[in-house]
Amino acid sequence: MACIRLKEDCEFNGENTYRHVNTHLPKYARPRFIRIKSAIELTATFKYCKVQLVEEGFNPAVIKDRLYFLDDKEKLYLQMTQEIYNSIRKHDFKL
């Protein structure tokens, strides 16, 4: 998962992001999930706070931020829904 903050007045585009990631990253390095946060929390030593993000996982019922899933069949990042989450949990989608 990648957790990012967008520049002001920018919108996330799942198709463009997929093309960019597909072009510039090897398959094993492509984030399966992208989480959009309004602010990235830092520690006192200016490191990213990752523990809470790891604990929250990718369940859209828990996460209030926008979350996207890499769909190789559709060739884009789809907004994560509870239906997609349930399919992943049932192993209908292979990660």
N, C-alpha and C. Protein backbone atom coordinates (compact mmCIF):
# COMPACT_ATOMS: atom_id res chain seq x y z
N MET A 1 0.84 -1.18 0.00
CA MET A 1 0.00 0.00 0.00
C MET A 1 0.88 1.24 0.00
N ALA A 2 0.44 2.22 -0.75
CA ALA A 2 1.08 3.53 -0.72
C ALA A 2 0.10 4.51 -0.10
N CYS A 3 0.61 5.35 0.77
CA CYS A 3 -0.21 6.39 1.39
C CYS A 3 0.34 7.72 0.90
N ILE A 4 -0.51 8.49 0.23
CA ILE A 4 -0.04 9.73 -0.37
C ILE A 4 -0.94 10.90 0.00
N ARG A 5 -0.39 12.07 -0.17
CA ARG A 5 -1.15 13.31 -0.02
C ARG A 5 -1.05 14.03 -1.35
N LEU A 6 -2.19 14.43 -1.91
CA LEU A 6 -2.21 15.12 -3.19
C LEU A 6 -1.92 16.60 -3.01
N LYS A 7 -1.35 17.21 -4.04
CA LYS A 7 -1.17 18.66 -4.03
C LYS A 7 -2.54 19.31 -4.01
N GLU A 8 -2.59 20.54 -3.53
CA GLU A 8 -3.86 21.27 -3.51
C GLU A 8 -4.41 21.40 -4.92
N ASP A 9 -5.71 21.30 -5.04
CA ASP A 9 -6.44 21.41 -6.31
C ASP A 9 -6.11 20.29 -7.30
N CYS A 10 -5.57 19.17 -6.82
CA CYS A 10 -5.32 18.02 -7.68
C CYS A 10 -6.32 16.92 -7.35
N GLU A 11 -6.71 16.19 -8.36
CA GLU A 11 -7.62 15.06 -8.19
C GLU A 11 -6.89 13.78 -8.56
N PHE A 12 -7.24 12.69 -7.90
CA PHE A 12 -6.66 11.39 -8.19
C PHE A 12 -7.31 10.83 -9.45
N ASN A 13 -6.50 10.38 -10.39
CA ASN A 13 -7.00 9.78 -11.63
C ASN A 13 -6.48 8.35 -11.68
N GLY A 14 -7.39 7.39 -11.54
CA GLY A 14 -7.02 5.98 -11.49
C GLY A 14 -6.39 5.46 -12.77
N GLU A 15 -6.81 5.96 -13.92
CA GLU A 15 -6.25 5.50 -15.20
C GLU A 15 -4.82 6.02 -15.39
N ASN A 16 -4.62 7.32 -15.16
CA ASN A 16 -3.29 7.91 -15.32
C ASN A 16 -2.31 7.32 -14.31
N THR A 17 -2.76 7.12 -13.09
CA THR A 17 -1.89 6.55 -12.07
C THR A 17 -1.50 5.12 -12.45
N TYR A 18 -2.45 4.35 -12.95
CA TYR A 18 -2.15 2.98 -13.37
C TYR A 18 -1.10 3.00 -14.48
N ARG A 19 -1.26 3.84 -15.48
CA ARG A 19 -0.30 3.91 -16.58
C ARG A 19 1.09 4.30 -16.07
N HIS A 20 1.15 5.27 -15.18
CA HIS A 20 2.43 5.72 -14.63
C HIS A 20 3.10 4.60 -13.84
N VAL A 21 2.36 3.97 -12.96
CA VAL A 21 2.90 2.89 -12.13
C VAL A 21 3.33 1.72 -13.00
N ASN A 22 2.51 1.38 -13.98
CA ASN A 22 2.80 0.26 -14.88
C ASN A 22 4.06 0.52 -15.72
N THR A 23 4.26 1.75 -16.10
CA THR A 23 5.41 2.12 -16.93
C THR A 23 6.71 2.19 -16.14
N HIS A 24 6.64 2.73 -14.93
CA HIS A 24 7.86 3.06 -14.19
C HIS A 24 8.25 2.10 -13.06
N LEU A 25 7.37 1.20 -12.69
CA LEU A 25 7.69 0.29 -11.58
C LEU A 25 7.61 -1.17 -12.03
N PRO A 26 8.52 -2.00 -11.53
CA PRO A 26 8.39 -3.43 -11.83
C PRO A 26 7.13 -3.97 -11.14
N LYS A 27 6.63 -5.08 -11.64
CA LYS A 27 5.36 -5.62 -11.16
C LYS A 27 5.34 -5.82 -9.63
N TYR A 28 6.45 -6.31 -9.07
CA TYR A 28 6.48 -6.58 -7.63
C TYR A 28 6.46 -5.30 -6.78
N ALA A 29 6.77 -4.14 -7.37
CA ALA A 29 6.84 -2.89 -6.61
C ALA A 29 5.59 -2.02 -6.75
N ARG A 30 4.65 -2.44 -7.56
CA ARG A 30 3.43 -1.64 -7.78
C ARG A 30 2.51 -1.74 -6.57
N PRO A 31 2.09 -0.60 -6.02
CA PRO A 31 1.19 -0.67 -4.86
C PRO A 31 -0.17 -1.21 -5.26
N ARG A 32 -0.64 -2.22 -4.54
CA ARG A 32 -1.97 -2.79 -4.80
C ARG A 32 -3.06 -1.85 -4.28
N PHE A 33 -2.72 -1.06 -3.29
CA PHE A 33 -3.67 -0.12 -2.70
C PHE A 33 -3.02 1.25 -2.61
N ILE A 34 -3.80 2.29 -2.87
CA ILE A 34 -3.35 3.66 -2.68
C ILE A 34 -4.35 4.34 -1.76
N ARG A 35 -3.83 4.90 -0.69
CA ARG A 35 -4.66 5.60 0.29
C ARG A 35 -4.35 7.09 0.19
N ILE A 36 -5.39 7.90 0.03
CA ILE A 36 -5.25 9.34 -0.10
C ILE A 36 -5.57 9.97 1.25
N LYS A 37 -4.59 10.67 1.81
CA LYS A 37 -4.79 11.35 3.09
C LYS A 37 -4.70 12.85 2.88
N SER A 38 -5.41 13.59 3.72
CA SER A 38 -5.35 15.05 3.63
C SER A 38 -4.08 15.58 4.28
N ALA A 39 -3.53 14.83 5.24
CA ALA A 39 -2.28 15.21 5.91
C ALA A 39 -1.55 13.94 6.32
N ILE A 40 -0.25 13.96 6.20
CA ILE A 40 0.58 12.82 6.59
C ILE A 40 1.18 13.14 7.96
N GLU A 41 0.92 12.26 8.93
CA GLU A 41 1.42 12.48 10.28
C GLU A 41 2.90 12.13 10.37
N LEU A 42 3.63 12.93 11.13
CA LEU A 42 5.06 12.72 11.34
C LEU A 42 5.36 12.56 12.82
N THR A 43 6.44 11.84 13.12
CA THR A 43 6.90 11.72 14.50
C THR A 43 7.70 12.97 14.86
N ALA A 44 8.17 13.03 16.10
CA ALA A 44 8.98 14.17 16.55
C ALA A 44 10.30 14.25 15.78
N THR A 45 10.75 13.11 15.23
CA THR A 45 11.99 13.10 14.46
C THR A 45 11.73 13.11 12.95
N PHE A 46 10.53 13.53 12.57
CA PHE A 46 10.14 13.72 11.17
C PHE A 46 10.12 12.43 10.36
N LYS A 47 9.77 11.34 11.00
CA LYS A 47 9.56 10.08 10.29
C LYS A 47 8.05 9.89 10.14
N TYR A 48 7.67 9.15 9.12
CA TYR A 48 6.24 8.91 8.90
C TYR A 48 5.68 7.95 9.94
N CYS A 49 4.46 8.24 10.42
CA CYS A 49 3.77 7.36 11.36
C CYS A 49 3.10 6.25 10.56
N LYS A 50 3.66 5.04 10.61
CA LYS A 50 3.16 3.94 9.79
C LYS A 50 2.40 2.89 10.58
N VAL A 51 2.62 2.83 11.88
CA VAL A 51 2.03 1.76 12.69
C VAL A 51 0.51 1.79 12.61
N GLN A 52 -0.08 2.96 12.76
CA GLN A 52 -1.54 3.05 12.71
C GLN A 52 -2.07 2.67 11.33
N LEU A 53 -1.36 3.06 10.28
CA LEU A 53 -1.78 2.71 8.92
C LEU A 53 -1.77 1.20 8.72
N VAL A 54 -0.74 0.54 9.24
CA VAL A 54 -0.64 -0.91 9.12
C VAL A 54 -1.77 -1.57 9.89
N GLU A 55 -2.07 -1.08 11.08
CA GLU A 55 -3.13 -1.67 11.90
C GLU A 55 -4.50 -1.51 11.25
N GLU A 56 -4.74 -0.40 10.58
CA GLU A 56 -6.03 -0.17 9.93
C GLU A 56 -6.20 -1.02 8.68
N GLY A 57 -5.11 -1.39 8.03
CA GLY A 57 -5.20 -2.25 6.85
C GLY A 57 -5.89 -1.55 5.69
N PHE A 58 -6.75 -2.30 4.98
CA PHE A 58 -7.42 -1.76 3.79
C PHE A 58 -8.92 -1.97 3.83
N ASN A 59 -9.49 -2.10 5.01
CA ASN A 59 -10.93 -2.28 5.16
C ASN A 59 -11.63 -0.93 5.02
N PRO A 60 -12.47 -0.75 3.99
CA PRO A 60 -13.13 0.53 3.80
C PRO A 60 -14.12 0.88 4.90
N ALA A 61 -14.55 -0.11 5.70
CA ALA A 61 -15.44 0.17 6.82
C ALA A 61 -14.68 0.85 7.96
N VAL A 62 -13.37 0.63 8.02
CA VAL A 62 -12.53 1.20 9.08
C VAL A 62 -11.90 2.51 8.63
N ILE A 63 -11.45 2.56 7.39
CA ILE A 63 -10.72 3.71 6.88
C ILE A 63 -11.68 4.75 6.35
N LYS A 64 -11.49 5.98 6.78
CA LYS A 64 -12.34 7.08 6.31
C LYS A 64 -11.71 7.83 5.14
N ASP A 65 -10.43 7.58 4.87
CA ASP A 65 -9.75 8.21 3.73
C ASP A 65 -10.18 7.52 2.44
N ARG A 66 -9.92 8.20 1.32
CA ARG A 66 -10.18 7.56 0.03
C ARG A 66 -9.14 6.46 -0.18
N LEU A 67 -9.60 5.33 -0.66
CA LEU A 67 -8.74 4.18 -0.85
C LEU A 67 -9.01 3.58 -2.22
N TYR A 68 -7.94 3.23 -2.93
CA TYR A 68 -8.07 2.71 -4.29
C TYR A 68 -7.37 1.37 -4.39
N PHE A 69 -7.90 0.50 -5.25
CA PHE A 69 -7.39 -0.85 -5.45
C PHE A 69 -6.90 -1.00 -6.89
N LEU A 70 -5.73 -1.58 -7.07
CA LEU A 70 -5.16 -1.81 -8.40
C LEU A 70 -5.87 -2.98 -9.07
N ASP A 71 -6.61 -2.70 -10.12
CA ASP A 71 -7.32 -3.73 -10.87
C ASP A 71 -6.62 -3.91 -12.21
N ASP A 72 -5.84 -4.99 -12.33
CA ASP A 72 -5.09 -5.23 -13.57
C ASP A 72 -6.00 -5.56 -14.75
N LYS A 73 -7.16 -6.14 -14.49
CA LYS A 73 -8.07 -6.45 -15.60
C LYS A 73 -8.64 -5.19 -16.22
N GLU A 74 -9.02 -4.24 -15.38
CA GLU A 74 -9.59 -2.97 -15.87
C GLU A 74 -8.50 -1.96 -16.24
N LYS A 75 -7.26 -2.23 -15.80
CA LYS A 75 -6.11 -1.36 -16.05
C LYS A 75 -6.31 0.04 -15.48
N LEU A 76 -6.71 0.05 -14.19
CA LEU A 76 -6.85 1.30 -13.47
C LEU A 76 -6.93 1.03 -11.97
N TYR A 77 -6.86 2.10 -11.21
CA TYR A 77 -7.10 2.01 -9.77
C TYR A 77 -8.57 2.33 -9.53
N LEU A 78 -9.29 1.38 -8.95
CA LEU A 78 -10.71 1.53 -8.63
C LEU A 78 -10.87 1.98 -7.19
N GLN A 79 -11.90 2.78 -6.95
CA GLN A 79 -12.19 3.15 -5.57
C GLN A 79 -12.60 1.89 -4.81
N MET A 80 -11.99 1.70 -3.66
CA MET A 80 -12.23 0.51 -2.85
C MET A 80 -13.65 0.55 -2.28
N THR A 81 -14.35 -0.56 -2.44
CA THR A 81 -15.70 -0.70 -1.88
C THR A 81 -15.71 -1.91 -0.94
N GLN A 82 -16.77 -2.01 -0.18
CA GLN A 82 -16.90 -3.16 0.72
C GLN A 82 -17.00 -4.45 -0.10
N GLU A 83 -17.61 -4.38 -1.28
CA GLU A 83 -17.73 -5.55 -2.15
C GLU A 83 -16.35 -6.04 -2.61
N ILE A 84 -15.49 -5.11 -3.02
CA ILE A 84 -14.13 -5.48 -3.43
C ILE A 84 -13.37 -6.04 -2.24
N TYR A 85 -13.52 -5.40 -1.09
CA TYR A 85 -12.85 -5.88 0.12
C TYR A 85 -13.27 -7.31 0.44
N ASN A 86 -14.57 -7.58 0.38
CA ASN A 86 -15.07 -8.93 0.66
C ASN A 86 -14.54 -9.94 -0.36
N SER A 87 -14.44 -9.55 -1.62
CA SER A 87 -13.89 -10.44 -2.65
C SER A 87 -12.44 -10.77 -2.38
N ILE A 88 -11.68 -9.78 -1.93
CA ILE A 88 -10.28 -10.02 -1.59
C ILE A 88 -10.19 -10.97 -0.40
N ARG A 89 -11.00 -10.75 0.60
CA ARG A 89 -10.99 -11.60 1.79
C ARG A 89 -11.38 -13.05 1.46
N LYS A 90 -12.28 -13.22 0.46
CA LYS A 90 -12.69 -14.58 0.04
C LYS A 90 -11.74 -15.19 -0.99
N HIS A 91 -10.68 -14.45 -1.32
CA HIS A 91 -9.67 -14.87 -2.28
C HIS A 91 -10.20 -14.96 -3.71
N ASP A 92 -11.24 -14.18 -4.03
CA ASP A 92 -11.70 -14.09 -5.41
C ASP A 92 -10.69 -13.27 -6.24
N PHE A 93 -10.07 -12.28 -5.61
CA PHE A 93 -8.99 -11.51 -6.21
C PHE A 93 -7.68 -12.06 -5.67
N LYS A 94 -6.74 -12.33 -6.54
CA LYS A 94 -5.41 -12.76 -6.09
C LYS A 94 -4.53 -11.53 -5.97
N LEU A 95 -3.91 -11.38 -4.82
CA LEU A 95 -2.97 -10.27 -4.62
C LEU A 95 -1.63 -10.82 -4.84
